[in-house]
Structure formats: C-alpha cells, structure tokens
Amino acid sequence: ASAMGGQESSIVTEYILKILGLDICADTLVGNEMLRGISGGQRKRVTTGEMLVGPAKALFMDEISTGLDSSTTYQIVNSLRQTIHILGGTAVISLLQPAPETYNLFDDIILLSDGQVVYQGPRENVLEFFEFMGFKCPGRKGVADFLQEVTSKKDQEQYWYRGDRPYRFVPVKQFADAFRSFHVGKSIENELKVPFDRTRSHPAALATSKFGVSRMELLKATIDRELLLMKRNAFMYIFKAVNLTLMAFIVMTTFFRTNMRRNVEYGTIYLGALFFALDTIMFNGFAELAMTVMKLPVFFKQRDLLFFPAWAYTIPSWILQIPITFVEVGVYVFTTYYVIGFDPSVSRVL
C-alpha cells in the first residue's frame, strides 16, 4: 500500500521496482486499448510487483507465462526468485513447458499428474528419482518436457533405459507410491511426522487483521495516490477551469444587467441564469466521469485482494475534490454575479 510518488516511495517499493526491472518505466502509464503504455511483459511484472510490495510472504501463481515469450517469462521468474530469496518468502508457480533456463531457476519441483503428486522435492533429485524408476532423460531433451511426457502412456516408452528388463507401462499411481519409498519422499514424510513447535512461530506469522496496515496508514496511502493522480491529470483540471471561465463570459453577455430590471417580469430571466449556472458547473464535472470508469477495474482488483477497503478509496477522492469544486464555483460566481445583476453593488459580491 505504498504510494509511489518519486522520492517519497518506500525502500521496499524502490527495491521491487529495480528487481522487476520496472524502474525504467516507473513514471509511465500502464495504458489500455486506447492509450499506449508499457509492454505486455512489464504489465505482468506490475501485477507481480503489486503482490510483492504487500505483506504477503506466500505467492501462488498459475500460468503466469500465458501470452509471454520465453525471454519475458525467464525475466519474470528470475525476478521472483531474487525477491523470494532476499525477502524470505515462498512462491508456488505453475508453468506449462517452461524453457530449460526458466526451469533451472526453481529450487524445488512439484510434479502433478492425474491429481496425484508424482514428485515433490529439490530440483537436483528429480532426474535421480525417475532413473530409480527406470526412465532417463536424454542429454538434449529439456527436463521440463521430459517430466511432462514421462507419465504419459503415449510417450513414456521412449525414455525407458533398462535394457535388462522389458518395458512395461508405469501408471501414475505407481510413480506416486514409489516416491514415498524414495529418499526424498521419506525425508518429507519424516519431517511432516514431527509436530510443529508453535514457540518457534513468529508473532506475525498468522494474520490477525483483515488488512496489512492500520486504517490511518491506508487512508494516507490512498490520499497520496490520489494526489499523484491529480498531478498527472493537471491538464484536465486546467482545461476545466479555462472552459468554465469562457462559459462565464458567455453567460455574462447573454444575461447582461443593463438590459434587465429588478421586477417580477424579469424574475424568470434571473431564474434561468441561476439554472444555467447550476447546469454549467454540474456538467463541467462530467469530464472526470470517463477517468473514474477507467479506474474501476484497478479499484475492484485491489479491493478484492484486500489492498484496502472501499471507503479508503472513496473518501480521499471525495475530499480532494472539494477545494477544486470551490475554486470552480468561485471563478464562475465572482465573474458573473455582479455583471448579470444578482446584486447592484460590486462590493457586496466581494
């Protein structure tokens, strides 16, 4: 929940930006279908960075390589690996046919097939287990591809290397049962038999609150973010003020006081001027409606992931708009009030 406003960003945020390679585009808009922004790989890393800067220490990622080339996938996984090792977290990532260089970044491998755990343990021992079962990965074959094919009835036979025994299809259940007798499986089983010592648990290991920080910190972070967005959209606010000023001058000439008298006959004209003022100021704010709609997907995502409650997002955007609204109304009223003739004395307007 850190507000990334130049030098005011937290150390963790700056560090994550550098690790993920996002420091070169930190001031670039993400973009959408209509606005060109960062690349697809950078968008994936932005999503990953959102998770990393939070209090979560365990990340579960499913098919993060979808739509990415092997080079981008490698960069993202490598960034995650560095972050996890340095910050002391855990990441469980599912990938379909990763490149060899991406596969080699993982510390442990979990191989699932037909709903069963075929292997779970250090990456260095996975080939040893399958050689123990009679299957060997060819030298030029990617290990990830080998692991996907060795449990398949269609492709399994080509990896059988025990010439002294005839090949016989080994089903997934037999692999899973054999893993329990393998030294890695035995080590995991023995470790799980020992009850966890709760005295060794860190006080912050289990979350006791819905959000990672206090309400005031959440509110401050969302206020800082809203201010940053307002600075980025300064052109729109300037344009709105100029547009309102031009409309005020047009209204001044339309309802000029020299052609009006203070009686019942001209009362409807005064009411028309008041209604037009209200209508102009109201529709002047419609320029922000499209921007609000564009921010909704980000709001829903961050709200559902418990980045902050809905009120922490709504209150800053409402409060920070109050002074802007007062300025806009003041410009319009001070420009038109005396000229239209709502008051005969200019000193009373001031």
Protein backbone atom coordinates (compact mmCIF):
# COMPACT_ATOMS: atom_id res chain seq x y z
CA ALA A 1 0.00 0.00 0.00
CA SER A 2 2.85 2.33 -0.74
CA ALA A 3 2.19 5.47 -2.73
CA MET A 4 4.84 5.71 -5.42
CA GLY A 5 5.44 9.42 -5.60
CA GLY A 6 9.06 9.97 -6.66
CA GLN A 7 11.47 10.07 -3.73
CA GLU A 8 8.66 9.55 -1.23
CA SER A 9 8.25 5.87 -2.10
CA SER A 10 9.28 3.28 0.44
CA ILE A 11 12.54 1.35 0.30
CA VAL A 12 10.71 -1.90 -0.40
CA THR A 13 8.83 -0.36 -3.32
CA GLU A 14 12.04 1.03 -4.82
CA TYR A 15 13.75 -2.30 -4.36
CA ILE A 16 10.91 -4.24 -6.00
CA LEU A 17 10.92 -1.82 -8.93
CA LYS A 18 14.62 -2.44 -9.51
CA ILE A 19 14.39 -6.21 -9.13
CA LEU A 20 11.47 -6.47 -11.54
CA GLY A 21 13.14 -4.11 -14.00
CA LEU A 22 10.32 -1.59 -13.71
CA ASP A 23 12.45 1.36 -12.60
CA ILE A 24 12.89 2.37 -16.26
CA CYS A 25 9.12 2.77 -16.67
CA ALA A 26 8.13 3.83 -13.14
CA ASP A 27 6.66 7.11 -14.42
CA THR A 28 4.94 5.57 -17.46
CA LEU A 29 1.21 4.92 -17.50
CA VAL A 30 0.21 1.27 -17.75
CA GLY A 31 -2.05 2.08 -20.70
CA ASN A 32 -5.05 0.33 -22.18
CA GLU A 33 -6.69 -0.37 -25.54
CA MET A 34 -6.83 3.34 -26.35
CA LEU A 35 -3.67 4.59 -24.62
CA ARG A 36 -0.23 3.24 -25.39
CA GLY A 37 1.65 2.37 -22.23
CA ILE A 38 4.09 -0.25 -21.03
CA SER A 39 4.68 -3.59 -22.75
CA GLY A 40 2.88 -6.86 -22.01
CA GLY A 41 5.81 -8.28 -20.08
CA GLN A 42 6.05 -5.15 -17.98
CA ARG A 43 2.33 -5.38 -17.22
CA LYS A 44 2.85 -8.90 -15.91
CA ARG A 45 5.67 -7.63 -13.73
CA VAL A 46 3.50 -4.77 -12.46
CA THR A 47 0.89 -7.31 -11.34
CA THR A 48 3.63 -9.32 -9.63
CA GLY A 49 5.01 -6.18 -8.02
CA GLU A 50 1.60 -5.33 -6.57
CA MET A 51 1.68 -8.62 -4.70
CA LEU A 52 5.30 -8.31 -3.60
CA VAL A 53 5.04 -4.87 -2.00
CA GLY A 54 2.22 -6.09 0.22
CA PRO A 55 2.57 -8.01 3.47
CA ALA A 56 2.05 -11.42 1.81
CA LYS A 57 5.01 -13.79 2.09
CA ALA A 58 3.46 -16.68 0.15
CA LEU A 59 2.64 -16.24 -3.54
CA PHE A 60 0.60 -18.72 -5.57
CA MET A 61 0.78 -18.09 -9.31
CA ASP A 62 -0.98 -20.08 -12.00
CA GLU A 63 0.19 -19.98 -15.63
CA ILE A 64 1.92 -16.61 -15.42
CA SER A 65 3.63 -17.28 -18.76
CA THR A 66 0.40 -17.16 -20.77
CA GLY A 67 0.83 -14.81 -23.71
CA LEU A 68 4.52 -14.20 -22.99
CA ASP A 69 7.61 -15.32 -24.85
CA SER A 70 10.27 -17.45 -23.18
CA SER A 71 12.61 -14.49 -22.63
CA THR A 72 10.00 -12.45 -20.77
CA THR A 73 8.95 -15.48 -18.72
CA TYR A 74 12.56 -16.03 -17.73
CA GLN A 75 12.96 -12.42 -16.64
CA ILE A 76 9.80 -12.53 -14.51
CA VAL A 77 10.66 -15.84 -12.83
CA ASN A 78 14.23 -14.69 -12.25
CA SER A 79 12.94 -11.50 -10.63
CA LEU A 80 10.63 -13.53 -8.42
CA ARG A 81 13.47 -15.84 -7.45
CA GLN A 82 15.69 -12.97 -6.34
CA THR A 83 12.87 -11.34 -4.42
CA ILE A 84 11.86 -14.54 -2.65
CA HIS A 85 15.43 -15.37 -1.66
CA ILE A 86 16.21 -11.89 -0.36
CA LEU A 87 12.90 -11.13 1.38
CA GLY A 88 12.46 -14.65 2.73
CA GLY A 89 9.17 -15.57 1.08
CA THR A 90 7.67 -18.56 -0.72
CA ALA A 91 6.36 -18.77 -4.27
CA VAL A 92 4.47 -21.67 -5.84
CA ILE A 93 4.36 -21.20 -9.62
CA SER A 94 2.71 -23.47 -12.18
CA LEU A 95 4.18 -23.33 -15.68
CA LEU A 96 3.40 -25.31 -18.80
CA GLN A 97 6.50 -26.41 -20.73
CA PRO A 98 8.96 -23.81 -19.40
CA ALA A 99 12.23 -23.26 -21.20
CA PRO A 100 15.30 -25.03 -19.72
CA GLU A 101 16.79 -21.79 -18.42
CA THR A 102 13.50 -20.95 -16.69
CA TYR A 103 13.21 -24.45 -15.24
CA ASN A 104 16.70 -24.18 -13.74
CA LEU A 105 15.64 -21.15 -11.69
CA PHE A 106 13.38 -23.22 -9.43
CA ASP A 107 14.63 -24.60 -6.12
CA ASP A 108 12.01 -27.33 -5.77
CA ILE A 109 9.78 -29.16 -8.22
CA ILE A 110 6.23 -30.42 -7.69
CA LEU A 111 5.12 -32.75 -10.48
CA LEU A 112 1.37 -33.39 -10.60
CA SER A 113 -0.33 -35.91 -12.85
CA ASP A 114 -3.90 -37.21 -12.75
CA GLY A 115 -4.45 -35.46 -9.44
CA GLN A 116 -1.52 -37.16 -7.69
CA VAL A 117 1.87 -35.91 -6.55
CA VAL A 118 4.43 -37.80 -8.60
CA TYR A 119 7.42 -35.92 -7.21
CA GLN A 120 7.97 -33.14 -4.71
CA GLY A 121 11.40 -32.06 -3.69
CA PRO A 122 14.69 -30.48 -4.79
CA ARG A 123 15.16 -29.92 -8.49
CA GLU A 124 18.52 -31.68 -8.41
CA ASN A 125 16.94 -35.00 -7.37
CA VAL A 126 14.06 -35.21 -9.82
CA LEU A 127 16.03 -36.99 -12.56
CA GLU A 128 17.51 -39.32 -9.96
CA PHE A 129 14.01 -40.40 -8.96
CA PHE A 130 12.96 -41.24 -12.50
CA GLU A 131 16.22 -43.11 -13.12
CA PHE A 132 15.35 -45.04 -9.97
CA MET A 133 12.08 -45.90 -11.74
CA GLY A 134 13.88 -46.90 -14.95
CA PHE A 135 13.45 -43.76 -17.05
CA LYS A 136 16.25 -41.49 -18.18
CA CYS A 137 16.14 -38.03 -19.71
CA PRO A 138 18.15 -37.80 -22.97
CA GLY A 139 21.01 -35.35 -22.99
CA ARG A 140 19.46 -32.93 -25.46
CA LYS A 141 15.96 -33.17 -24.01
CA GLY A 142 14.63 -30.40 -21.81
CA VAL A 143 13.95 -31.65 -18.30
CA ALA A 144 10.58 -29.89 -18.14
CA ASP A 145 9.44 -31.58 -21.36
CA PHE A 146 10.72 -34.92 -20.08
CA LEU A 147 8.74 -34.58 -16.85
CA GLN A 148 5.56 -33.87 -18.77
CA GLU A 149 5.97 -36.83 -21.11
CA VAL A 150 7.35 -39.49 -18.79
CA THR A 151 3.98 -40.06 -17.12
CA SER A 152 2.13 -40.15 -20.45
CA LYS A 153 1.19 -43.56 -21.83
CA LYS A 154 1.88 -42.32 -25.33
CA ASP A 155 5.42 -41.00 -24.75
CA GLN A 156 6.71 -42.96 -21.78
CA GLU A 157 8.32 -45.89 -23.59
CA GLN A 158 10.96 -43.80 -25.39
CA TYR A 159 12.60 -42.91 -22.05
CA TRP A 160 12.97 -46.48 -20.77
CA TYR A 161 16.69 -47.21 -20.43
CA ARG A 162 16.94 -50.53 -18.57
CA GLY A 163 17.93 -52.93 -21.29
CA ASP A 164 17.94 -55.91 -18.93
CA ARG A 165 14.20 -55.59 -18.30
CA PRO A 166 11.32 -55.41 -20.77
CA TYR A 167 9.39 -52.16 -20.79
CA ARG A 168 6.05 -52.10 -19.02
CA PHE A 169 3.88 -49.03 -18.69
CA VAL A 170 4.19 -47.45 -15.26
CA PRO A 171 0.94 -45.74 -14.21
CA VAL A 172 0.84 -42.51 -12.24
CA LYS A 173 -0.24 -44.26 -9.04
CA GLN A 174 2.84 -46.46 -9.15
CA PHE A 175 5.05 -43.39 -9.53
CA ALA A 176 3.33 -41.78 -6.54
CA ASP A 177 3.72 -44.91 -4.40
CA ALA A 178 7.37 -45.28 -5.40
CA PHE A 179 8.09 -41.68 -4.46
CA ARG A 180 7.13 -42.44 -0.86
CA SER A 181 9.90 -45.03 -0.73
CA PHE A 182 12.40 -42.72 -2.45
CA HIS A 183 14.80 -40.95 -0.07
CA VAL A 184 13.34 -37.51 -0.85
CA GLY A 185 9.82 -38.74 -0.16
CA LYS A 186 10.93 -40.40 3.06
CA SER A 187 12.60 -37.18 4.18
CA ILE A 188 9.41 -35.19 3.61
CA GLU A 189 7.32 -37.82 5.39
CA ASN A 190 9.63 -37.85 8.41
CA GLU A 191 9.58 -34.08 8.56
CA LEU A 192 5.79 -33.98 8.49
CA LYS A 193 5.55 -36.53 11.30
CA VAL A 194 7.16 -34.10 13.74
CA PRO A 195 4.54 -31.70 15.19
CA PHE A 196 5.28 -28.05 14.61
CA ASP A 197 6.70 -26.21 17.61
CA ARG A 198 4.47 -23.18 18.00
CA THR A 199 7.01 -21.43 20.19
CA ARG A 200 9.22 -21.06 17.11
CA SER A 201 6.48 -19.30 15.19
CA HIS A 202 6.86 -15.59 14.54
CA PRO A 203 4.11 -13.43 16.12
CA ALA A 204 3.28 -12.04 12.68
CA ALA A 205 3.12 -15.46 11.02
CA LEU A 206 -0.68 -15.54 11.21
CA ALA A 207 -2.72 -12.54 10.19
CA THR A 208 -4.91 -11.12 12.92
CA SER A 209 -6.37 -8.28 10.88
CA LYS A 210 -8.08 -8.07 7.52
CA PHE A 211 -5.59 -5.56 6.12
CA GLY A 212 -1.83 -5.40 6.41
CA VAL A 213 -1.59 -1.89 7.91
CA SER A 214 -3.70 0.37 10.09
CA ARG A 215 -6.64 2.39 8.83
CA MET A 216 -4.78 5.68 9.07
CA GLU A 217 -1.88 4.33 7.01
CA LEU A 218 -4.33 3.01 4.43
CA LEU A 219 -6.02 6.39 4.26
CA LYS A 220 -2.70 8.22 3.97
CA ALA A 221 -1.54 5.90 1.18
CA THR A 222 -4.73 6.37 -0.83
CA ILE A 223 -4.60 10.16 -0.32
CA ASP A 224 -1.01 10.23 -1.58
CA ARG A 225 -2.01 8.15 -4.58
CA GLU A 226 -4.99 10.37 -5.37
CA LEU A 227 -2.77 13.46 -5.16
CA LEU A 228 -0.31 11.83 -7.52
CA LEU A 229 -3.10 11.06 -10.00
CA MET A 230 -4.34 14.64 -9.77
CA LYS A 231 -0.85 15.94 -10.54
CA ARG A 232 -0.64 13.66 -13.55
CA ASN A 233 -4.03 14.88 -14.75
CA ALA A 234 -3.30 18.55 -14.08
CA PHE A 235 -4.02 19.40 -17.72
CA MET A 236 -7.60 18.25 -17.36
CA TYR A 237 -8.22 20.44 -14.30
CA ILE A 238 -6.65 23.45 -16.05
CA PHE A 239 -8.79 22.79 -19.10
CA LYS A 240 -11.92 22.59 -16.95
CA ALA A 241 -11.11 25.93 -15.29
CA VAL A 242 -10.48 27.63 -18.64
CA ASN A 243 -13.65 26.13 -20.09
CA LEU A 244 -15.69 27.32 -17.10
CA THR A 245 -14.23 30.82 -17.39
CA LEU A 246 -15.15 31.02 -21.07
CA MET A 247 -18.67 29.85 -20.27
CA ALA A 248 -18.90 32.51 -17.56
CA PHE A 249 -18.02 35.25 -20.07
CA ILE A 250 -20.63 33.92 -22.50
CA VAL A 251 -23.26 33.94 -19.74
CA MET A 252 -22.26 37.50 -18.81
CA THR A 253 -23.03 38.72 -22.32
CA THR A 254 -26.25 36.71 -22.53
CA PHE A 255 -27.71 37.97 -19.24
CA PHE A 256 -26.07 41.40 -19.19
CA ARG A 257 -27.56 43.52 -16.37
CA THR A 258 -28.06 46.71 -18.44
CA ASN A 259 -30.96 45.02 -20.24
CA MET A 260 -32.56 43.65 -17.08
CA ARG A 261 -34.73 45.19 -14.38
CA ARG A 262 -35.37 44.02 -10.86
CA ASN A 263 -39.07 43.17 -11.08
CA VAL A 264 -41.37 40.17 -11.41
CA GLU A 265 -41.32 40.31 -15.19
CA TYR A 266 -37.59 39.68 -15.35
CA GLY A 267 -37.62 37.17 -12.47
CA THR A 268 -37.81 34.25 -14.86
CA ILE A 269 -34.65 35.51 -16.57
CA TYR A 270 -32.81 35.56 -13.24
CA LEU A 271 -34.06 32.04 -12.54
CA GLY A 272 -32.86 31.00 -15.98
CA ALA A 273 -29.42 32.44 -15.24
CA LEU A 274 -29.30 30.57 -11.93
CA PHE A 275 -30.36 27.32 -13.56
CA PHE A 276 -27.82 27.75 -16.34
CA ALA A 277 -25.07 28.37 -13.75
CA LEU A 278 -26.02 25.22 -11.86
CA ASP A 279 -26.22 23.25 -15.09
CA THR A 280 -22.85 24.51 -16.33
CA ILE A 281 -20.99 23.72 -13.11
CA MET A 282 -22.58 20.28 -12.89
CA PHE A 283 -21.77 19.26 -16.45
CA ASN A 284 -18.27 20.67 -16.10
CA GLY A 285 -17.53 17.78 -13.74
CA PHE A 286 -18.59 15.17 -16.28
CA ALA A 287 -15.10 15.31 -17.78
CA GLU A 288 -13.88 13.20 -14.85
CA LEU A 289 -16.54 10.55 -15.33
CA ALA A 290 -14.58 8.69 -18.02
CA MET A 291 -11.46 8.72 -15.84
CA THR A 292 -13.42 7.30 -12.92
CA VAL A 293 -14.79 4.48 -15.08
CA MET A 294 -11.27 3.68 -16.32
CA LYS A 295 -10.05 3.35 -12.72
CA LEU A 296 -12.80 0.92 -11.71
CA PRO A 297 -11.02 -2.32 -12.81
CA VAL A 298 -7.99 -1.39 -10.70
CA PHE A 299 -10.24 -0.48 -7.78
CA PHE A 300 -12.15 -3.78 -7.93
CA LYS A 301 -8.95 -5.81 -8.20
CA GLN A 302 -7.22 -4.10 -5.29
CA ARG A 303 -10.37 -4.15 -3.16
CA ASP A 304 -10.92 -7.89 -3.72
CA LEU A 305 -7.25 -8.61 -2.93
CA LEU A 306 -7.68 -6.72 0.37
CA PHE A 307 -5.25 -3.95 -0.50
CA PHE A 308 -7.64 -1.51 1.14
CA PRO A 309 -11.37 -1.18 1.93
CA ALA A 310 -13.71 0.68 -0.38
CA TRP A 311 -14.02 3.65 1.99
CA ALA A 312 -10.25 4.23 1.90
CA TYR A 313 -10.51 4.68 -1.86
CA THR A 314 -13.70 6.77 -1.88
CA ILE A 315 -13.04 9.27 0.91
CA PRO A 316 -9.77 10.73 -0.50
CA SER A 317 -11.22 11.18 -3.98
CA TRP A 318 -14.24 12.93 -2.45
CA ILE A 319 -12.33 15.16 -0.01
CA LEU A 320 -9.67 16.24 -2.51
CA GLN A 321 -12.34 17.30 -4.99
CA ILE A 322 -13.91 19.76 -2.51
CA PRO A 323 -11.28 22.55 -2.86
CA ILE A 324 -11.27 22.13 -6.65
CA THR A 325 -15.05 22.47 -6.71
CA PHE A 326 -14.90 25.60 -4.53
CA VAL A 327 -12.37 27.15 -6.91
CA GLU A 328 -14.50 26.37 -9.96
CA VAL A 329 -17.67 27.72 -8.35
CA GLY A 330 -15.81 30.79 -7.10
CA VAL A 331 -14.46 31.58 -10.56
CA TYR A 332 -17.92 31.33 -12.09
CA VAL A 333 -19.79 33.21 -9.35
CA PHE A 334 -17.32 36.08 -8.92
CA THR A 335 -17.21 36.53 -12.69
CA THR A 336 -20.96 36.59 -13.33
CA TYR A 337 -22.72 37.63 -10.10
CA TYR A 338 -22.45 41.41 -10.42
CA VAL A 339 -22.46 41.58 -14.22
CA ILE A 340 -25.72 39.64 -14.52
CA GLY A 341 -27.28 41.81 -11.84
CA PHE A 342 -27.90 39.49 -8.92
CA ASP A 343 -26.60 42.30 -6.73
CA PRO A 344 -26.45 46.01 -7.59
CA SER A 345 -23.22 46.62 -5.65
CA VAL A 346 -19.96 45.04 -6.67
CA SER A 347 -18.58 45.50 -3.13
CA ARG A 348 -21.20 43.15 -1.72
CA VAL A 349 -20.10 40.42 -4.14
CA LEU A 350 -16.57 40.62 -2.76
